[in-house]
Amino acid sequence: MKIAILAIIPHLAAMLSAAEPLSKIAASFYAFGYVSGHEKVQIMTGAEAFQEIQLSTANIVGPVAAVAVDGSLRICDKPLTVEGKVTHPVLSTAQLPPGIRRALVILFPAPKGGKEPYRSLVLNHELQDFPLGVYRMINISPHLIRGAIAREYIEVKPGGVANLEPAGQPGAVVPVRFEFFDQGRWNLLTETRCAIRKDRRWLTCVYQDPVTGRMNIRSIPDRTPVIAAVNESFANP
């Protein structure tokens, strides 16, 4: 009898683990580029529930206020029926920083031959980490970049992420200059002017065009509303 009971314990533990509720976070999405045929994606909101969103290369989409996660966030394709079973093929798996409650998920087309069509990067979208008035710089190019807005200066290594917050009175027009380091010297990336704003934040990506080799910078205003905290978890249906 003791042997039988001991044999059952691991099985019960596995059942209890499988029944643990998924966590919920709020998530917004930005597509740096589209994978053809996957401009719309499915976001899991429950054990068997999904919400479809239309990705955008011009705007940050969301937030989806109750995204279900289990340490990672899966971005899926529309459902398929295979051998009588409905399945959602995974387009990208976004790894989540521990304790994150609000995420900004950035999608990039994956290199050919990749396991999933999209690569994804997750940033903390909380105001404490990404405040209003800040430019969140993401360097996905192979070169070191540096830049300044007004007197605020920043350097970002390849693959790096950093915040740049220009100081000054709201409405003041200030100079902007960014450069990248290549072939032993600094090269101009962009030079312009902008107005200081404290009611908005920006997602700014520096990248190298894979076809032309030209370095580019793209800045997207983040108009995502600040939302109330979502529930920590939910029970599986």
C-alpha atoms as a PDB file:
ATOM      1  CA  MET A   1       0.000   0.000   0.000  1.00  0.00           C
ATOM      2  CA  LYS A   2       2.804   2.398   0.851  1.00  0.00           C
ATOM      3  CA  ILE A   3       4.418   1.722  -2.517  1.00  0.00           C
ATOM      4  CA  ALA A   4       1.157   2.486  -4.327  1.00  0.00           C
ATOM      5  CA  ILE A   5       0.717   5.778  -2.458  1.00  0.00           C
ATOM      6  CA  LEU A   6       4.272   6.863  -3.206  1.00  0.00           C
ATOM      7  CA  ALA A   7       3.729   6.084  -6.877  1.00  0.00           C
ATOM      8  CA  ILE A   8       0.644   8.310  -6.975  1.00  0.00           C
ATOM      9  CA  ILE A   9       2.321  11.351  -5.361  1.00  0.00           C
ATOM     10  CA  PRO A  10       4.414  12.409  -8.416  1.00  0.00           C
ATOM     11  CA  HIS A  11       1.312  12.085 -10.618  1.00  0.00           C
ATOM     12  CA  LEU A  12      -0.718  14.326  -8.286  1.00  0.00           C
ATOM     13  CA  ALA A  13       2.118  16.872  -8.144  1.00  0.00           C
ATOM     14  CA  ALA A  14       2.196  17.041 -11.939  1.00  0.00           C
ATOM     15  CA  MET A  15      -1.579  17.568 -12.057  1.00  0.00           C
ATOM     16  CA  LEU A  16      -1.415  20.376  -9.488  1.00  0.00           C
ATOM     17  CA  SER A  17       1.449  22.043 -11.341  1.00  0.00           C
ATOM     18  CA  ALA A  18      -0.486  21.898 -14.608  1.00  0.00           C
ATOM     19  CA  ALA A  19      -3.493  23.489 -12.905  1.00  0.00           C
ATOM     20  CA  GLU A  20      -1.528  26.483 -11.632  1.00  0.00           C
ATOM     21  CA  PRO A  21      -3.057  29.720 -12.961  1.00  0.00           C
ATOM     22  CA  LEU A  22      -1.283  31.661 -15.678  1.00  0.00           C
ATOM     23  CA  SER A  23      -0.079  35.149 -14.794  1.00  0.00           C
ATOM     24  CA  LYS A  24      -1.511  38.216 -16.510  1.00  0.00           C
ATOM     25  CA  ILE A  25       0.290  41.327 -17.715  1.00  0.00           C
ATOM     26  CA  ALA A  26      -0.610  44.312 -19.867  1.00  0.00           C
ATOM     27  CA  ALA A  27       1.244  44.414 -23.183  1.00  0.00           C
ATOM     28  CA  SER A  28       1.571  46.827 -26.103  1.00  0.00           C
ATOM     29  CA  PHE A  29       3.116  45.903 -29.451  1.00  0.00           C
ATOM     30  CA  TYR A  30       5.206  47.556 -32.151  1.00  0.00           C
ATOM     31  CA  ALA A  31       6.315  45.887 -35.390  1.00  0.00           C
ATOM     32  CA  PHE A  32       9.653  47.136 -36.667  1.00  0.00           C
ATOM     33  CA  GLY A  33       8.839  45.268 -39.870  1.00  0.00           C
ATOM     34  CA  TYR A  34       6.245  42.781 -41.085  1.00  0.00           C
ATOM     35  CA  VAL A  35       6.624  39.128 -41.943  1.00  0.00           C
ATOM     36  CA  SER A  36       4.545  38.691 -45.083  1.00  0.00           C
ATOM     37  CA  GLY A  37       1.186  37.141 -44.279  1.00  0.00           C
ATOM     38  CA  HIS A  38       1.568  37.806 -40.551  1.00  0.00           C
ATOM     39  CA  GLU A  39       0.489  41.425 -40.212  1.00  0.00           C
ATOM     40  CA  LYS A  40      -2.204  40.228 -37.797  1.00  0.00           C
ATOM     41  CA  VAL A  41      -1.286  38.103 -34.782  1.00  0.00           C
ATOM     42  CA  GLN A  42      -3.069  36.324 -31.947  1.00  0.00           C
ATOM     43  CA  ILE A  43      -2.272  37.157 -28.319  1.00  0.00           C
ATOM     44  CA  MET A  44      -3.156  34.589 -25.648  1.00  0.00           C
ATOM     45  CA  THR A  45      -5.502  35.992 -22.989  1.00  0.00           C
ATOM     46  CA  GLY A  46      -6.439  32.691 -21.346  1.00  0.00           C
ATOM     47  CA  ALA A  47      -5.668  28.988 -21.384  1.00  0.00           C
ATOM     48  CA  GLU A  48      -7.701  28.619 -24.578  1.00  0.00           C
ATOM     49  CA  ALA A  49      -8.577  32.266 -25.345  1.00  0.00           C
ATOM     50  CA  PHE A  50      -6.900  34.594 -27.837  1.00  0.00           C
ATOM     51  CA  GLN A  51      -7.256  38.213 -28.969  1.00  0.00           C
ATOM     52  CA  GLU A  52      -6.321  39.242 -32.504  1.00  0.00           C
ATOM     53  CA  ILE A  53      -4.396  42.477 -33.061  1.00  0.00           C
ATOM     54  CA  GLN A  54      -3.310  44.265 -36.222  1.00  0.00           C
ATOM     55  CA  LEU A  55       0.406  45.061 -35.991  1.00  0.00           C
ATOM     56  CA  SER A  56       1.665  48.475 -37.102  1.00  0.00           C
ATOM     57  CA  THR A  57       5.023  49.843 -38.205  1.00  0.00           C
ATOM     58  CA  ALA A  58       3.763  53.395 -37.651  1.00  0.00           C
ATOM     59  CA  ASN A  59       2.223  53.181 -34.189  1.00  0.00           C
ATOM     60  CA  ILE A  60       2.428  51.278 -30.926  1.00  0.00           C
ATOM     61  CA  VAL A  61      -0.674  49.080 -30.668  1.00  0.00           C
ATOM     62  CA  GLY A  62      -2.432  48.313 -27.399  1.00  0.00           C
ATOM     63  CA  PRO A  63      -2.414  47.811 -24.601  1.00  0.00           C
ATOM     64  CA  VAL A  64      -3.946  44.376 -24.382  1.00  0.00           C
ATOM     65  CA  ALA A  65      -4.799  44.547 -20.707  1.00  0.00           C
ATOM     66  CA  ALA A  66      -4.867  40.857 -19.785  1.00  0.00           C
ATOM     67  CA  VAL A  67      -2.208  38.889 -21.652  1.00  0.00           C
ATOM     68  CA  ALA A  68      -1.685  35.396 -20.267  1.00  0.00           C
ATOM     69  CA  VAL A  69       1.954  34.434 -19.706  1.00  0.00           C
ATOM     70  CA  ASP A  70       3.941  31.660 -18.032  1.00  0.00           C
ATOM     71  CA  GLY A  71       7.416  33.210 -17.929  1.00  0.00           C
ATOM     72  CA  SER A  72       7.275  34.017 -21.631  1.00  0.00           C
ATOM     73  CA  LEU A  73       4.746  35.672 -23.921  1.00  0.00           C
ATOM     74  CA  ARG A  74       3.757  33.713 -27.019  1.00  0.00           C
ATOM     75  CA  ILE A  75       2.645  35.584 -30.137  1.00  0.00           C
ATOM     76  CA  CYS A  76       0.634  33.224 -32.316  1.00  0.00           C
ATOM     77  CA  ASP A  77      -0.844  32.822 -35.767  1.00  0.00           C
ATOM     78  CA  LYS A  78      -4.519  32.327 -36.567  1.00  0.00           C
ATOM     79  CA  PRO A  79      -5.855  28.935 -35.473  1.00  0.00           C
ATOM     80  CA  LEU A  80      -5.405  25.824 -37.577  1.00  0.00           C
ATOM     81  CA  THR A  81      -7.207  22.512 -37.311  1.00  0.00           C
ATOM     82  CA  VAL A  82      -4.830  19.558 -37.479  1.00  0.00           C
ATOM     83  CA  GLU A  83      -6.216  16.032 -37.126  1.00  0.00           C
ATOM     84  CA  GLY A  84      -9.354  17.402 -35.525  1.00  0.00           C
ATOM     85  CA  LYS A  85      -7.477  19.531 -32.986  1.00  0.00           C
ATOM     86  CA  VAL A  86      -7.333  23.353 -33.035  1.00  0.00           C
ATOM     87  CA  THR A  87      -3.841  24.770 -32.626  1.00  0.00           C
ATOM     88  CA  HIS A  88      -2.261  28.239 -32.793  1.00  0.00           C
ATOM     89  CA  PRO A  89       1.210  28.119 -34.441  1.00  0.00           C
ATOM     90  CA  VAL A  90       3.733  30.244 -32.520  1.00  0.00           C
ATOM     91  CA  LEU A  91       5.154  33.225 -34.463  1.00  0.00           C
ATOM     92  CA  SER A  92       7.433  34.482 -31.683  1.00  0.00           C
ATOM     93  CA  THR A  93       8.259  33.734 -28.066  1.00  0.00           C
ATOM     94  CA  ALA A  94       9.064  36.841 -26.030  1.00  0.00           C
ATOM     95  CA  GLN A  95      11.148  36.245 -22.907  1.00  0.00           C
ATOM     96  CA  LEU A  96       9.909  38.370 -19.997  1.00  0.00           C
ATOM     97  CA  PRO A  97      12.044  40.116 -17.369  1.00  0.00           C
ATOM     98  CA  PRO A  98      11.161  38.866 -13.859  1.00  0.00           C
ATOM     99  CA  GLY A  99       8.299  40.715 -12.182  1.00  0.00           C
ATOM    100  CA  ILE A 100       7.245  42.719 -15.250  1.00  0.00           C
ATOM    101  CA  ARG A 101       3.618  43.922 -15.188  1.00  0.00           C
ATOM    102  CA  ARG A 102       3.438  46.156 -18.265  1.00  0.00           C
ATOM    103  CA  ALA A 103       5.426  45.217 -21.343  1.00  0.00           C
ATOM    104  CA  LEU A 104       6.271  46.867 -24.647  1.00  0.00           C
ATOM    105  CA  VAL A 105       6.926  44.079 -27.157  1.00  0.00           C
ATOM    106  CA  ILE A 106       8.912  44.970 -30.277  1.00  0.00           C
ATOM    107  CA  LEU A 107       8.800  42.530 -33.193  1.00  0.00           C
ATOM    108  CA  PHE A 108      11.422  42.143 -35.921  1.00  0.00           C
ATOM    109  CA  PRO A 109      11.340  39.783 -38.923  1.00  0.00           C
ATOM    110  CA  ALA A 110      13.630  36.873 -38.053  1.00  0.00           C
ATOM    111  CA  PRO A 111      16.497  35.852 -40.348  1.00  0.00           C
ATOM    112  CA  LYS A 112      15.623  33.242 -42.939  1.00  0.00           C
ATOM    113  CA  GLY A 113      15.702  29.748 -41.534  1.00  0.00           C
ATOM    114  CA  GLY A 114      14.825  30.895 -38.024  1.00  0.00           C
ATOM    115  CA  LYS A 115      12.706  28.717 -35.774  1.00  0.00           C
ATOM    116  CA  GLU A 116       9.988  31.404 -35.513  1.00  0.00           C
ATOM    117  CA  PRO A 117       9.032  34.055 -38.119  1.00  0.00           C
ATOM    118  CA  TYR A 118       9.466  37.009 -35.718  1.00  0.00           C
ATOM    119  CA  ARG A 119      12.153  37.892 -33.198  1.00  0.00           C
ATOM    120  CA  SER A 120      10.907  39.828 -30.185  1.00  0.00           C
ATOM    121  CA  LEU A 121      12.315  42.205 -27.606  1.00  0.00           C
ATOM    122  CA  VAL A 122      10.462  43.050 -24.389  1.00  0.00           C
ATOM    123  CA  LEU A 123      10.882  46.384 -22.597  1.00  0.00           C
ATOM    124  CA  ASN A 124       9.412  47.478 -19.276  1.00  0.00           C
ATOM    125  CA  HIS A 125       6.526  49.823 -20.126  1.00  0.00           C
ATOM    126  CA  GLU A 126       5.978  51.154 -16.607  1.00  0.00           C
ATOM    127  CA  LEU A 127       6.143  54.933 -16.235  1.00  0.00           C
ATOM    128  CA  GLN A 128       8.793  54.532 -13.539  1.00  0.00           C
ATOM    129  CA  ASP A 129      11.086  52.791 -16.049  1.00  0.00           C
ATOM    130  CA  PHE A 130       9.972  54.580 -19.232  1.00  0.00           C
ATOM    131  CA  PRO A 131       8.766  58.035 -18.087  1.00  0.00           C
ATOM    132  CA  LEU A 132       6.993  60.704 -20.085  1.00  0.00           C
ATOM    133  CA  GLY A 133       9.442  63.051 -21.798  1.00  0.00           C
ATOM    134  CA  VAL A 134      11.915  60.204 -22.463  1.00  0.00           C
ATOM    135  CA  TYR A 135      13.320  58.845 -25.718  1.00  0.00           C
ATOM    136  CA  ARG A 136      13.946  55.121 -25.261  1.00  0.00           C
ATOM    137  CA  MET A 137      16.869  54.365 -27.553  1.00  0.00           C
ATOM    138  CA  ILE A 138      17.258  50.852 -28.996  1.00  0.00           C
ATOM    139  CA  ASN A 139      20.368  50.157 -31.042  1.00  0.00           C
ATOM    140  CA  ILE A 140      19.784  47.106 -33.233  1.00  0.00           C
ATOM    141  CA  SER A 141      22.567  48.090 -35.635  1.00  0.00           C
ATOM    142  CA  PRO A 142      26.107  46.620 -35.556  1.00  0.00           C
ATOM    143  CA  HIS A 143      27.620  50.031 -34.713  1.00  0.00           C
ATOM    144  CA  LEU A 144      28.091  52.098 -31.571  1.00  0.00           C
ATOM    145  CA  ILE A 145      25.838  55.165 -31.633  1.00  0.00           C
ATOM    146  CA  ARG A 146      25.958  58.440 -29.754  1.00  0.00           C
ATOM    147  CA  GLY A 147      23.664  61.409 -29.732  1.00  0.00           C
ATOM    148  CA  ALA A 148      22.308  64.446 -27.968  1.00  0.00           C
ATOM    149  CA  ILE A 149      19.006  66.245 -27.608  1.00  0.00           C
ATOM    150  CA  ALA A 150      19.656  69.719 -26.250  1.00  0.00           C
ATOM    151  CA  ARG A 151      22.499  69.156 -23.753  1.00  0.00           C
ATOM    152  CA  GLU A 152      21.577  65.577 -22.815  1.00  0.00           C
ATOM    153  CA  TYR A 153      24.048  63.059 -24.285  1.00  0.00           C
ATOM    154  CA  ILE A 154      23.931  59.288 -24.666  1.00  0.00           C
ATOM    155  CA  GLU A 155      25.966  56.397 -26.086  1.00  0.00           C
ATOM    156  CA  VAL A 156      24.415  53.008 -26.886  1.00  0.00           C
ATOM    157  CA  LYS A 157      26.309  49.846 -27.823  1.00  0.00           C
ATOM    158  CA  PRO A 158      24.978  47.412 -30.466  1.00  0.00           C
ATOM    159  CA  GLY A 159      22.027  45.593 -28.946  1.00  0.00           C
ATOM    160  CA  GLY A 160      21.783  48.132 -26.137  1.00  0.00           C
ATOM    161  CA  VAL A 161      18.790  50.018 -24.726  1.00  0.00           C
ATOM    162  CA  ALA A 162      18.979  53.346 -22.883  1.00  0.00           C
ATOM    163  CA  ASN A 163      16.801  56.332 -21.964  1.00  0.00           C
ATOM    164  CA  LEU A 164      17.504  59.874 -23.128  1.00  0.00           C
ATOM    165  CA  GLU A 165      15.534  62.633 -21.392  1.00  0.00           C
ATOM    166  CA  PRO A 166      16.151  66.141 -22.723  1.00  0.00           C
ATOM    167  CA  ALA A 167      15.962  68.910 -20.115  1.00  0.00           C
ATOM    168  CA  GLY A 168      14.302  72.250 -20.712  1.00  0.00           C
ATOM    169  CA  GLN A 169      10.986  74.051 -20.709  1.00  0.00           C
ATOM    170  CA  PRO A 170       8.109  72.294 -22.511  1.00  0.00           C
ATOM    171  CA  GLY A 171       7.729  73.777 -25.985  1.00  0.00           C
ATOM    172  CA  ALA A 172      11.348  74.883 -26.263  1.00  0.00           C
ATOM    173  CA  VAL A 173      12.871  73.921 -29.635  1.00  0.00           C
ATOM    174  CA  VAL A 174      16.278  72.280 -29.196  1.00  0.00           C
ATOM    175  CA  PRO A 175      18.950  70.760 -31.482  1.00  0.00           C
ATOM    176  CA  VAL A 176      19.144  67.012 -32.117  1.00  0.00           C
ATOM    177  CA  ARG A 177      22.191  65.170 -33.444  1.00  0.00           C
ATOM    178  CA  PHE A 178      22.996  61.459 -33.683  1.00  0.00           C
ATOM    179  CA  GLU A 179      26.088  59.723 -35.042  1.00  0.00           C
ATOM    180  CA  PHE A 180      27.338  56.157 -35.519  1.00  0.00           C
ATOM    181  CA  PHE A 181      30.906  54.846 -35.369  1.00  0.00           C
ATOM    182  CA  ASP A 182      32.138  53.027 -38.470  1.00  0.00           C
ATOM    183  CA  GLN A 183      35.495  52.612 -40.255  1.00  0.00           C
ATOM    184  CA  GLY A 184      37.345  54.322 -37.438  1.00  0.00           C
ATOM    185  CA  ARG A 185      35.328  57.540 -37.334  1.00  0.00           C
ATOM    186  CA  TRP A 186      32.003  59.055 -36.275  1.00  0.00           C
ATOM    187  CA  ASN A 187      29.462  59.477 -39.094  1.00  0.00           C
ATOM    188  CA  LEU A 188      26.351  61.657 -39.099  1.00  0.00           C
ATOM    189  CA  LEU A 189      23.115  59.715 -38.686  1.00  0.00           C
ATOM    190  CA  THR A 190      20.695  62.619 -38.352  1.00  0.00           C
ATOM    191  CA  GLU A 191      20.681  66.286 -37.421  1.00  0.00           C
ATOM    192  CA  THR A 192      17.464  68.177 -36.802  1.00  0.00           C
ATOM    193  CA  ARG A 193      15.492  70.073 -34.133  1.00  0.00           C
ATOM    194  CA  CYS A 194      12.603  69.065 -31.915  1.00  0.00           C
ATOM    195  CA  ALA A 195      10.321  70.572 -29.302  1.00  0.00           C
ATOM    196  CA  ILE A 196      10.605  69.402 -25.695  1.00  0.00           C
ATOM    197  CA  ARG A 197       7.460  67.649 -24.498  1.00  0.00           C
ATOM    198  CA  LYS A 198       6.666  66.220 -21.092  1.00  0.00           C
ATOM    199  CA  ASP A 199       3.310  64.701 -22.048  1.00  0.00           C
ATOM    200  CA  ARG A 200       4.646  62.001 -24.353  1.00  0.00           C
ATOM    201  CA  ARG A 201       7.407  59.405 -24.661  1.00  0.00           C
ATOM    202  CA  TRP A 202       9.108  57.976 -27.743  1.00  0.00           C
ATOM    203  CA  LEU A 203      10.412  54.614 -28.885  1.00  0.00           C
ATOM    204  CA  THR A 204      13.513  55.302 -31.007  1.00  0.00           C
ATOM    205  CA  CYS A 205      15.252  52.555 -33.004  1.00  0.00           C
ATOM    206  CA  VAL A 206      18.598  52.760 -34.794  1.00  0.00           C
ATOM    207  CA  TYR A 207      19.100  50.070 -37.422  1.00  0.00           C
ATOM    208  CA  GLN A 208      21.002  49.231 -40.589  1.00  0.00           C
ATOM    209  CA  ASP A 209      18.961  48.458 -43.697  1.00  0.00           C
ATOM    210  CA  PRO A 210      19.814  44.847 -44.650  1.00  0.00           C
ATOM    211  CA  VAL A 211      19.447  45.608 -48.373  1.00  0.00           C
ATOM    212  CA  THR A 212      21.118  49.022 -48.807  1.00  0.00           C
ATOM    213  CA  GLY A 213      23.404  48.926 -45.751  1.00  0.00           C
ATOM    214  CA  ARG A 214      22.248  52.459 -44.933  1.00  0.00           C
ATOM    215  CA  MET A 215      21.974  53.419 -41.256  1.00  0.00           C
ATOM    216  CA  ASN A 216      18.559  54.726 -40.234  1.00  0.00           C
ATOM    217  CA  ILE A 217      16.823  56.059 -37.155  1.00  0.00           C
ATOM    218  CA  ARG A 218      13.082  55.743 -36.528  1.00  0.00           C
ATOM    219  CA  SER A 219      11.247  57.499 -33.705  1.00  0.00           C
ATOM    220  CA  ILE A 220       7.675  56.503 -32.805  1.00  0.00           C
ATOM    221  CA  PRO A 221       5.609  58.588 -30.362  1.00  0.00           C
ATOM    222  CA  ASP A 222       4.145  56.365 -27.652  1.00  0.00           C
ATOM    223  CA  ARG A 223       0.537  57.413 -27.088  1.00  0.00           C
ATOM    224  CA  THR A 224      -0.307  54.329 -25.038  1.00  0.00           C
ATOM    225  CA  PRO A 225      -2.652  55.359 -22.212  1.00  0.00           C
ATOM    226  CA  VAL A 226      -1.573  54.610 -18.678  1.00  0.00           C
ATOM    227  CA  ILE A 227      -3.850  51.787 -17.562  1.00  0.00           C
ATOM    228  CA  ALA A 228      -4.826  50.440 -14.192  1.00  0.00           C
ATOM    229  CA  ALA A 229      -2.975  47.428 -12.867  1.00  0.00           C
ATOM    230  CA  VAL A 230      -4.339  44.120 -14.114  1.00  0.00           C
ATOM    231  CA  ASN A 231      -5.117  41.127 -11.926  1.00  0.00           C
ATOM    232  CA  GLU A 232      -2.077  39.079 -11.023  1.00  0.00           C
ATOM    233  CA  SER A 233      -3.557  35.764 -12.132  1.00  0.00           C
ATOM    234  CA  PHE A 234      -6.647  33.923 -13.201  1.00  0.00           C
ATOM    235  CA  ALA A 235      -7.942  30.429 -12.878  1.00  0.00           C
ATOM    236  CA  ASN A 236      -7.948  28.180 -15.926  1.00  0.00           C
ATOM    237  CA  PRO A 237     -11.455  27.544 -17.250  1.00  0.00           C
END
